Amino acid sequence: MIDKFVLGMATLRILSGSLEVLAALIMLRLNQVEKALLVNSALALTGPLVLITTTTIGLVGIADRLSASRIAWIAAGICCLFIGILKK
């Protein structure tokens, strides 16, 4: 039997990947750089959102096996990732 947390994480990644492929097909269909950039910009939001959501699901799945200090370190690491990604 598949763990419900793993299933949730995998489902989100499949949906995210499908969205990426769909966006690529839309770009090809539009065949204009300006419109392709707009489609690409819309995708820029999905990556971090999927990362946050899948990480949250995973952490909820193992929260009962982690101490509060370890969860705090994981949260700090995720914050550092986002600071590095979003910092211009």
PDB file of N, CA and C in Angstrom:
ATOM      1  N   MET A   1       0.843  -1.177   0.000  1.00  0.00           N
ATOM      2  CA  MET A   1       0.000   0.000   0.000  1.00  0.00           C
ATOM      3  C   MET A   1       0.900   1.257   0.000  1.00  0.00           C
ATOM      4  N   ILE A   2       0.532   2.234  -0.793  1.00  0.00           N
ATOM      5  CA  ILE A   2       1.315   3.462  -0.909  1.00  0.00           C
ATOM      6  C   ILE A   2       0.947   4.407   0.235  1.00  0.00           C
ATOM      7  N   ASP A   3       1.964   4.977   0.855  1.00  0.00           N
ATOM      8  CA  ASP A   3       1.765   5.950   1.925  1.00  0.00           C
ATOM      9  C   ASP A   3       1.013   7.155   1.382  1.00  0.00           C
ATOM     10  N   LYS A   4       0.028   7.637   2.137  1.00  0.00           N
ATOM     11  CA  LYS A   4      -0.812   8.743   1.658  1.00  0.00           C
ATOM     12  C   LYS A   4      -0.017  10.035   1.481  1.00  0.00           C
ATOM     13  N   PHE A   5       1.009  10.225   2.266  1.00  0.00           N
ATOM     14  CA  PHE A   5       1.828  11.434   2.124  1.00  0.00           C
ATOM     15  C   PHE A   5       2.672  11.361   0.850  1.00  0.00           C
ATOM     16  N   VAL A   6       3.233  10.194   0.581  1.00  0.00           N
ATOM     17  CA  VAL A   6       4.015   9.988  -0.641  1.00  0.00           C
ATOM     18  C   VAL A   6       3.107  10.147  -1.861  1.00  0.00           C
ATOM     19  N   LEU A   7       1.909   9.606  -1.785  1.00  0.00           N
ATOM     20  CA  LEU A   7       0.951   9.724  -2.881  1.00  0.00           C
ATOM     21  C   LEU A   7       0.603  11.194  -3.141  1.00  0.00           C
ATOM     22  N   GLY A   8       0.397  11.956  -2.081  1.00  0.00           N
ATOM     23  CA  GLY A   8       0.102  13.385  -2.231  1.00  0.00           C
ATOM     24  C   GLY A   8       1.254  14.140  -2.870  1.00  0.00           C
ATOM     25  N   MET A   9       2.466  13.850  -2.411  1.00  0.00           N
ATOM     26  CA  MET A   9       3.646  14.525  -2.962  1.00  0.00           C
ATOM     27  C   MET A   9       3.834  14.157  -4.432  1.00  0.00           C
ATOM     28  N   ALA A  10       3.696  12.878  -4.755  1.00  0.00           N
ATOM     29  CA  ALA A  10       3.878  12.428  -6.133  1.00  0.00           C
ATOM     30  C   ALA A  10       2.797  13.000  -7.043  1.00  0.00           C
ATOM     31  N   THR A  11       1.579  13.059  -6.559  1.00  0.00           N
ATOM     32  CA  THR A  11       0.478  13.622  -7.349  1.00  0.00           C
ATOM     33  C   THR A  11       0.736  15.079  -7.680  1.00  0.00           C
ATOM     34  N   LEU A  12       1.195  15.844  -6.700  1.00  0.00           N
ATOM     35  CA  LEU A  12       1.507  17.251  -6.960  1.00  0.00           C
ATOM     36  C   LEU A  12       2.609  17.394  -8.000  1.00  0.00           C
ATOM     37  N   ARG A  13       3.621  16.553  -7.918  1.00  0.00           N
ATOM     38  CA  ARG A  13       4.724  16.616  -8.883  1.00  0.00           C
ATOM     39  C   ARG A  13       4.263  16.210 -10.284  1.00  0.00           C
ATOM     40  N   ILE A  14       3.378  15.226 -10.371  1.00  0.00           N
ATOM     41  CA  ILE A  14       2.830  14.829 -11.677  1.00  0.00           C
ATOM     42  C   ILE A  14       2.012  15.978 -12.265  1.00  0.00           C
ATOM     43  N   LEU A  15       1.180  16.606 -11.441  1.00  0.00           N
ATOM     44  CA  LEU A  15       0.383  17.749 -11.914  1.00  0.00           C
ATOM     45  C   LEU A  15       1.283  18.904 -12.344  1.00  0.00           C
ATOM     46  N   SER A  16       2.322  19.154 -11.574  1.00  0.00           N
ATOM     47  CA  SER A  16       3.254  20.225 -11.900  1.00  0.00           C
ATOM     48  C   SER A  16       3.970  19.943 -13.220  1.00  0.00           C
ATOM     49  N   GLY A  17       4.408  18.714 -13.396  1.00  0.00           N
ATOM     50  CA  GLY A  17       5.076  18.336 -14.639  1.00  0.00           C
ATOM     51  C   GLY A  17       4.137  18.424 -15.833  1.00  0.00           C
ATOM     52  N   SER A  18       2.895  18.008 -15.636  1.00  0.00           N
ATOM     53  CA  SER A  18       1.901  18.101 -16.706  1.00  0.00           C
ATOM     54  C   SER A  18       1.645  19.552 -17.086  1.00  0.00           C
ATOM     55  N   LEU A  19       1.617  20.421 -16.091  1.00  0.00           N
ATOM     56  CA  LEU A  19       1.430  21.850 -16.342  1.00  0.00           C
ATOM     57  C   LEU A  19       2.594  22.410 -17.147  1.00  0.00           C
ATOM     58  N   GLU A  20       3.808  21.948 -16.851  1.00  0.00           N
ATOM     59  CA  GLU A  20       4.986  22.388 -17.593  1.00  0.00           C
ATOM     60  C   GLU A  20       4.905  21.968 -19.060  1.00  0.00           C
ATOM     61  N   VAL A  21       4.505  20.723 -19.288  1.00  0.00           N
ATOM     62  CA  VAL A  21       4.378  20.231 -20.661  1.00  0.00           C
ATOM     63  C   VAL A  21       3.273  20.998 -21.393  1.00  0.00           C
ATOM     64  N   LEU A  22       2.151  21.215 -20.726  1.00  0.00           N
ATOM     65  CA  LEU A  22       1.053  21.976 -21.324  1.00  0.00           C
ATOM     66  C   LEU A  22       1.507  23.385 -21.686  1.00  0.00           C
ATOM     67  N   ALA A  23       2.259  24.012 -20.802  1.00  0.00           N
ATOM     68  CA  ALA A  23       2.759  25.363 -21.077  1.00  0.00           C
ATOM     69  C   ALA A  23       3.677  25.369 -22.295  1.00  0.00           C
ATOM     70  N   ALA A  24       4.511  24.350 -22.422  1.00  0.00           N
ATOM     71  CA  ALA A  24       5.401  24.256 -23.589  1.00  0.00           C
ATOM     72  C   ALA A  24       4.593  24.122 -24.871  1.00  0.00           C
ATOM     73  N   LEU A  25       3.539  23.323 -24.830  1.00  0.00           N
ATOM     74  CA  LEU A  25       2.685  23.166 -26.005  1.00  0.00           C
ATOM     75  C   LEU A  25       1.962  24.469 -26.352  1.00  0.00           C
ATOM     76  N   ILE A  26       1.538  25.188 -25.333  1.00  0.00           N
ATOM     77  CA  ILE A  26       0.895  26.484 -25.560  1.00  0.00           C
ATOM     78  C   ILE A  26       1.880  27.461 -26.196  1.00  0.00           C
ATOM     79  N   MET A  27       3.109  27.466 -25.704  1.00  0.00           N
ATOM     80  CA  MET A  27       4.135  28.339 -26.286  1.00  0.00           C
ATOM     81  C   MET A  27       4.334  28.030 -27.768  1.00  0.00           C
ATOM     82  N   LEU A  28       4.400  26.746 -28.088  1.00  0.00           N
ATOM     83  CA  LEU A  28       4.571  26.347 -29.487  1.00  0.00           C
ATOM     84  C   LEU A  28       3.366  26.777 -30.328  1.00  0.00           C
ATOM     85  N   ARG A  29       2.204  26.640 -29.771  1.00  0.00           N
ATOM     86  CA  ARG A  29       0.978  27.010 -30.490  1.00  0.00           C
ATOM     87  C   ARG A  29       0.909  28.516 -30.726  1.00  0.00           C
ATOM     88  N   LEU A  30       1.289  29.294 -29.712  1.00  0.00           N
ATOM     89  CA  LEU A  30       1.248  30.753 -29.848  1.00  0.00           C
ATOM     90  C   LEU A  30       2.289  31.257 -30.844  1.00  0.00           C
ATOM     91  N   ASN A  31       3.462  30.630 -30.834  1.00  0.00           N
ATOM     92  CA  ASN A  31       4.535  30.928 -31.787  1.00  0.00           C
ATOM     93  C   ASN A  31       4.938  32.401 -31.809  1.00  0.00           C
ATOM     94  N   GLN A  32       4.895  33.052 -30.644  1.00  0.00           N
ATOM     95  CA  GLN A  32       5.335  34.443 -30.514  1.00  0.00           C
ATOM     96  C   GLN A  32       6.138  34.564 -29.227  1.00  0.00           C
ATOM     97  N   VAL A  33       7.311  35.178 -29.324  1.00  0.00           N
ATOM     98  CA  VAL A  33       8.201  35.278 -28.171  1.00  0.00           C
ATOM     99  C   VAL A  33       7.528  36.009 -27.014  1.00  0.00           C
ATOM    100  N   GLU A  34       6.840  37.094 -27.300  1.00  0.00           N
ATOM    101  CA  GLU A  34       6.216  37.889 -26.247  1.00  0.00           C
ATOM    102  C   GLU A  34       5.185  37.071 -25.472  1.00  0.00           C
ATOM    103  N   LYS A  35       4.349  36.335 -26.193  1.00  0.00           N
ATOM    104  CA  LYS A  35       3.326  35.523 -25.535  1.00  0.00           C
ATOM    105  C   LYS A  35       3.943  34.329 -24.818  1.00  0.00           C
ATOM    106  N   ALA A  36       4.995  33.770 -25.393  1.00  0.00           N
ATOM    107  CA  ALA A  36       5.685  32.662 -24.735  1.00  0.00           C
ATOM    108  C   ALA A  36       6.303  33.115 -23.411  1.00  0.00           C
ATOM    109  N   LEU A  37       6.808  34.333 -23.390  1.00  0.00           N
ATOM    110  CA  LEU A  37       7.354  34.877 -22.139  1.00  0.00           C
ATOM    111  C   LEU A  37       6.267  35.055 -21.087  1.00  0.00           C
ATOM    112  N   LEU A  38       5.081  35.444 -21.508  1.00  0.00           N
ATOM    113  CA  LEU A  38       3.963  35.571 -20.567  1.00  0.00           C
ATOM    114  C   LEU A  38       3.595  34.217 -19.972  1.00  0.00           C
ATOM    115  N   VAL A  39       3.543  33.195 -20.809  1.00  0.00           N
ATOM    116  CA  VAL A  39       3.250  31.844 -20.332  1.00  0.00           C
ATOM    117  C   VAL A  39       4.342  31.395 -19.367  1.00  0.00           C
ATOM    118  N   ASN A  40       5.584  31.654 -19.721  1.00  0.00           N
ATOM    119  CA  ASN A  40       6.713  31.282 -18.873  1.00  0.00           C
ATOM    120  C   ASN A  40       6.660  32.009 -17.524  1.00  0.00           C
ATOM    121  N   SER A  41       6.272  33.264 -17.550  1.00  0.00           N
ATOM    122  CA  SER A  41       6.165  34.042 -16.309  1.00  0.00           C
ATOM    123  C   SER A  41       5.097  33.460 -15.391  1.00  0.00           C
ATOM    124  N   ALA A  42       4.010  33.001 -15.968  1.00  0.00           N
ATOM    125  CA  ALA A  42       2.959  32.386 -15.155  1.00  0.00           C
ATOM    126  C   ALA A  42       3.476  31.119 -14.477  1.00  0.00           C
ATOM    127  N   LEU A  43       4.354  30.404 -15.152  1.00  0.00           N
ATOM    128  CA  LEU A  43       4.927  29.185 -14.571  1.00  0.00           C
ATOM    129  C   LEU A  43       5.895  29.481 -13.433  1.00  0.00           C
ATOM    130  N   ALA A  44       6.448  30.660 -13.422  1.00  0.00           N
ATOM    131  CA  ALA A  44       7.426  31.011 -12.386  1.00  0.00           C
ATOM    132  C   ALA A  44       6.821  30.913 -10.990  1.00  0.00           C
ATOM    133  N   LEU A  45       5.534  31.073 -10.876  1.00  0.00           N
ATOM    134  CA  LEU A  45       4.869  30.973  -9.572  1.00  0.00           C
ATOM    135  C   LEU A  45       4.651  29.522  -9.145  1.00  0.00           C
ATOM    136  N   THR A  46       4.474  28.644 -10.110  1.00  0.00           N
ATOM    137  CA  THR A  46       4.135  27.270  -9.751  1.00  0.00           C
ATOM    138  C   THR A  46       5.296  26.508  -9.123  1.00  0.00           C
ATOM    139  N   GLY A  47       6.515  26.752  -9.578  1.00  0.00           N
ATOM    140  CA  GLY A  47       7.674  26.022  -9.041  1.00  0.00           C
ATOM    141  C   GLY A  47       7.831  26.157  -7.532  1.00  0.00           C
ATOM    142  N   PRO A  48       7.966  27.385  -7.032  1.00  0.00           N
ATOM    143  CA  PRO A  48       8.089  27.552  -5.585  1.00  0.00           C
ATOM    144  C   PRO A  48       6.860  27.084  -4.810  1.00  0.00           C
ATOM    145  N   LEU A  49       5.686  27.274  -5.399  1.00  0.00           N
ATOM    146  CA  LEU A  49       4.463  26.848  -4.729  1.00  0.00           C
ATOM    147  C   LEU A  49       4.411  25.328  -4.587  1.00  0.00           C
ATOM    148  N   VAL A  50       4.806  24.619  -5.628  1.00  0.00           N
ATOM    149  CA  VAL A  50       4.845  23.154  -5.564  1.00  0.00           C
ATOM    150  C   VAL A  50       5.914  22.703  -4.573  1.00  0.00           C
ATOM    151  N   LEU A  51       7.066  23.374  -4.562  1.00  0.00           N
ATOM    152  CA  LEU A  51       8.124  23.036  -3.603  1.00  0.00           C
ATOM    153  C   LEU A  51       7.624  23.182  -2.170  1.00  0.00           C
ATOM    154  N   ILE A  52       6.990  24.295  -1.872  1.00  0.00           N
ATOM    155  CA  ILE A  52       6.477  24.527  -0.511  1.00  0.00           C
ATOM    156  C   ILE A  52       5.445  23.475  -0.143  1.00  0.00           C
ATOM    157  N   THR A  53       4.528  23.212  -1.056  1.00  0.00           N
ATOM    158  CA  THR A  53       3.441  22.282  -0.761  1.00  0.00           C
ATOM    159  C   THR A  53       3.942  20.859  -0.573  1.00  0.00           C
ATOM    160  N   THR A  54       4.801  20.383  -1.467  1.00  0.00           N
ATOM    161  CA  THR A  54       5.303  19.011  -1.323  1.00  0.00           C
ATOM    162  C   THR A  54       6.169  18.857  -0.078  1.00  0.00           C
ATOM    163  N   THR A  55       6.960  19.873   0.225  1.00  0.00           N
ATOM    164  CA  THR A  55       7.781  19.828   1.440  1.00  0.00           C
ATOM    165  C   THR A  55       6.896  19.798   2.678  1.00  0.00           C
ATOM    166  N   THR A  56       5.843  20.602   2.669  1.00  0.00           N
ATOM    167  CA  THR A  56       4.919  20.624   3.804  1.00  0.00           C
ATOM    168  C   THR A  56       4.256  19.270   3.996  1.00  0.00           C
ATOM    169  N   ILE A  57       3.797  18.683   2.907  1.00  0.00           N
ATOM    170  CA  ILE A  57       3.175  17.351   3.007  1.00  0.00           C
ATOM    171  C   ILE A  57       4.173  16.343   3.570  1.00  0.00           C
ATOM    172  N   GLY A  58       5.395  16.366   3.083  1.00  0.00           N
ATOM    173  CA  GLY A  58       6.423  15.451   3.580  1.00  0.00           C
ATOM    174  C   GLY A  58       6.724  15.664   5.047  1.00  0.00           C
ATOM    175  N   LEU A  59       6.814  16.922   5.453  1.00  0.00           N
ATOM    176  CA  LEU A  59       7.099  17.211   6.864  1.00  0.00           C
ATOM    177  C   LEU A  59       5.944  16.792   7.774  1.00  0.00           C
ATOM    178  N   VAL A  60       4.732  16.985   7.304  1.00  0.00           N
ATOM    179  CA  VAL A  60       3.575  16.532   8.095  1.00  0.00           C
ATOM    180  C   VAL A  60       3.634  15.015   8.243  1.00  0.00           C
ATOM    181  N   GLY A  61       4.068  14.346   7.181  1.00  0.00           N
ATOM    182  CA  GLY A  61       4.161  12.893   7.220  1.00  0.00           C
ATOM    183  C   GLY A  61       5.187  12.354   8.192  1.00  0.00           C
ATOM    184  N   ILE A  62       6.252  13.125   8.443  1.00  0.00           N
ATOM    185  CA  ILE A  62       7.294  12.643   9.370  1.00  0.00           C
ATOM    186  C   ILE A  62       7.361  13.450  10.663  1.00  0.00           C
ATOM    187  N   ALA A  63       6.421  14.361  10.846  1.00  0.00           N
ATOM    188  CA  ALA A  63       6.464  15.249  12.016  1.00  0.00           C
ATOM    189  C   ALA A  63       6.452  14.487  13.332  1.00  0.00           C
ATOM    190  N   ASP A  64       5.755  13.373  13.384  1.00  0.00           N
ATOM    191  CA  ASP A  64       5.695  12.616  14.636  1.00  0.00           C
ATOM    192  C   ASP A  64       7.023  11.937  14.971  1.00  0.00           C
ATOM    193  N   ARG A  65       7.932  11.851  14.001  1.00  0.00           N
ATOM    194  CA  ARG A  65       9.237  11.220  14.224  1.00  0.00           C
ATOM    195  C   ARG A  65      10.364  12.232  14.401  1.00  0.00           C
ATOM    196  N   LEU A  66      10.053  13.521  14.292  1.00  0.00           N
ATOM    197  CA  LEU A  66      11.073  14.567  14.410  1.00  0.00           C
ATOM    198  C   LEU A  66      10.857  15.381  15.673  1.00  0.00           C
ATOM    199  N   SER A  67      11.957  15.817  16.246  1.00  0.00           N
ATOM    200  CA  SER A  67      11.858  16.706  17.396  1.00  0.00           C
ATOM    201  C   SER A  67      11.549  18.123  16.900  1.00  0.00           C
ATOM    202  N   ALA A  68      11.096  18.960  17.799  1.00  0.00           N
ATOM    203  CA  ALA A  68      10.762  20.342  17.439  1.00  0.00           C
ATOM    204  C   ALA A  68      11.985  21.091  16.929  1.00  0.00           C
ATOM    205  N   SER A  69      13.154  20.813  17.500  1.00  0.00           N
ATOM    206  CA  SER A  69      14.361  21.505  17.051  1.00  0.00           C
ATOM    207  C   SER A  69      14.732  21.099  15.616  1.00  0.00           C
ATOM    208  N   ARG A  70      14.533  19.841  15.268  1.00  0.00           N
ATOM    209  CA  ARG A  70      14.833  19.412  13.892  1.00  0.00           C
ATOM    210  C   ARG A  70      13.858  20.037  12.898  1.00  0.00           C
ATOM    211  N   ILE A  71      12.606  20.128  13.272  1.00  0.00           N
ATOM    212  CA  ILE A  71      11.626  20.786  12.408  1.00  0.00           C
ATOM    213  C   ILE A  71      11.997  22.254  12.220  1.00  0.00           C
ATOM    214  N   ALA A  72      12.473  22.895  13.285  1.00  0.00           N
ATOM    215  CA  ALA A  72      12.895  24.295  13.195  1.00  0.00           C
ATOM    216  C   ALA A  72      14.086  24.439  12.247  1.00  0.00           C
ATOM    217  N   TRP A  73      15.043  23.507  12.308  1.00  0.00           N
ATOM    218  CA  TRP A  73      16.190  23.550  11.399  1.00  0.00           C
ATOM    219  C   TRP A  73      15.758  23.353   9.943  1.00  0.00           C
ATOM    220  N   ILE A  74      14.821  22.459   9.727  1.00  0.00           N
ATOM    221  CA  ILE A  74      14.308  22.244   8.375  1.00  0.00           C
ATOM    222  C   ILE A  74      13.616  23.503   7.873  1.00  0.00           C
ATOM    223  N   ALA A  75      12.798  24.119   8.712  1.00  0.00           N
ATOM    224  CA  ALA A  75      12.113  25.360   8.334  1.00  0.00           C
ATOM    225  C   ALA A  75      13.121  26.465   8.033  1.00  0.00           C
ATOM    226  N   ALA A  76      14.181  26.544   8.833  1.00  0.00           N
ATOM    227  CA  ALA A  76      15.221  27.558   8.593  1.00  0.00           C
ATOM    228  C   ALA A  76      15.912  27.302   7.253  1.00  0.00           C
ATOM    229  N   GLY A  77      16.166  26.046   6.944  1.00  0.00           N
ATOM    230  CA  GLY A  77      16.787  25.702   5.665  1.00  0.00           C
ATOM    231  C   GLY A  77      15.897  26.068   4.485  1.00  0.00           C
ATOM    232  N   ILE A  78      14.625  25.822   4.607  1.00  0.00           N
ATOM    233  CA  ILE A  78      13.685  26.180   3.541  1.00  0.00           C
ATOM    234  C   ILE A  78      13.639  27.693   3.372  1.00  0.00           C
ATOM    235  N   CYS A  79      13.646  28.423   4.476  1.00  0.00           N
ATOM    236  CA  CYS A  79      13.676  29.894   4.404  1.00  0.00           C
ATOM    237  C   CYS A  79      14.937  30.366   3.678  1.00  0.00           C
ATOM    238  N   CYS A  80      16.068  29.761   3.992  1.00  0.00           N
ATOM    239  CA  CYS A  80      17.316  30.125   3.313  1.00  0.00           C
ATOM    240  C   CYS A  80      17.234  29.853   1.818  1.00  0.00           C
ATOM    241  N   LEU A  81      16.616  28.736   1.437  1.00  0.00           N
ATOM    242  CA  LEU A  81      16.430  28.432   0.016  1.00  0.00           C
ATOM    243  C   LEU A  81      15.648  29.554  -0.675  1.00  0.00           C
ATOM    244  N   PHE A  82      14.552  29.946  -0.047  1.00  0.00           N
ATOM    245  CA  PHE A  82      13.713  30.961  -0.675  1.00  0.00           C
ATOM    246  C   PHE A  82      14.380  32.339  -0.697  1.00  0.00           C
ATOM    247  N   ILE A  83      15.141  32.640   0.314  1.00  0.00           N
ATOM    248  CA  ILE A  83      15.889  33.897   0.301  1.00  0.00           C
ATOM    249  C   ILE A  83      16.885  33.881  -0.854  1.00  0.00           C
ATOM    250  N   GLY A  84      17.561  32.757  -1.038  1.00  0.00           N
ATOM    251  CA  GLY A  84      18.525  32.638  -2.140  1.00  0.00           C
ATOM    252  C   GLY A  84      17.856  32.663  -3.502  1.00  0.00           C
ATOM    253  N   ILE A  85      16.681  32.068  -3.612  1.00  0.00           N
ATOM    254  CA  ILE A  85      15.980  32.026  -4.890  1.00  0.00           C
ATOM    255  C   ILE A  85      15.380  33.379  -5.239  1.00  0.00           C
ATOM    256  N   LEU A  86      14.782  34.023  -4.268  1.00  0.00           N
ATOM    257  CA  LEU A  86      14.023  35.246  -4.536  1.00  0.00           C
ATOM    258  C   LEU A  86      14.884  36.511  -4.485  1.00  0.00           C
ATOM    259  N   LYS A  87      16.062  36.420  -3.884  1.00  0.00           N
ATOM    260  CA  LYS A  87      16.945  37.578  -3.773  1.00  0.00           C
ATOM    261  C   LYS A  87      17.500  37.927  -5.164  1.00  0.00           C
ATOM    262  N   LYS A  88      17.398  39.171  -5.537  1.00  0.00           N
ATOM    263  CA  LYS A  88      17.877  39.571  -6.869  1.00  0.00           C
ATOM    264  C   LYS A  88      19.228  40.227  -6.797  1.00  0.00           C
TER     265      LYS A  88
END
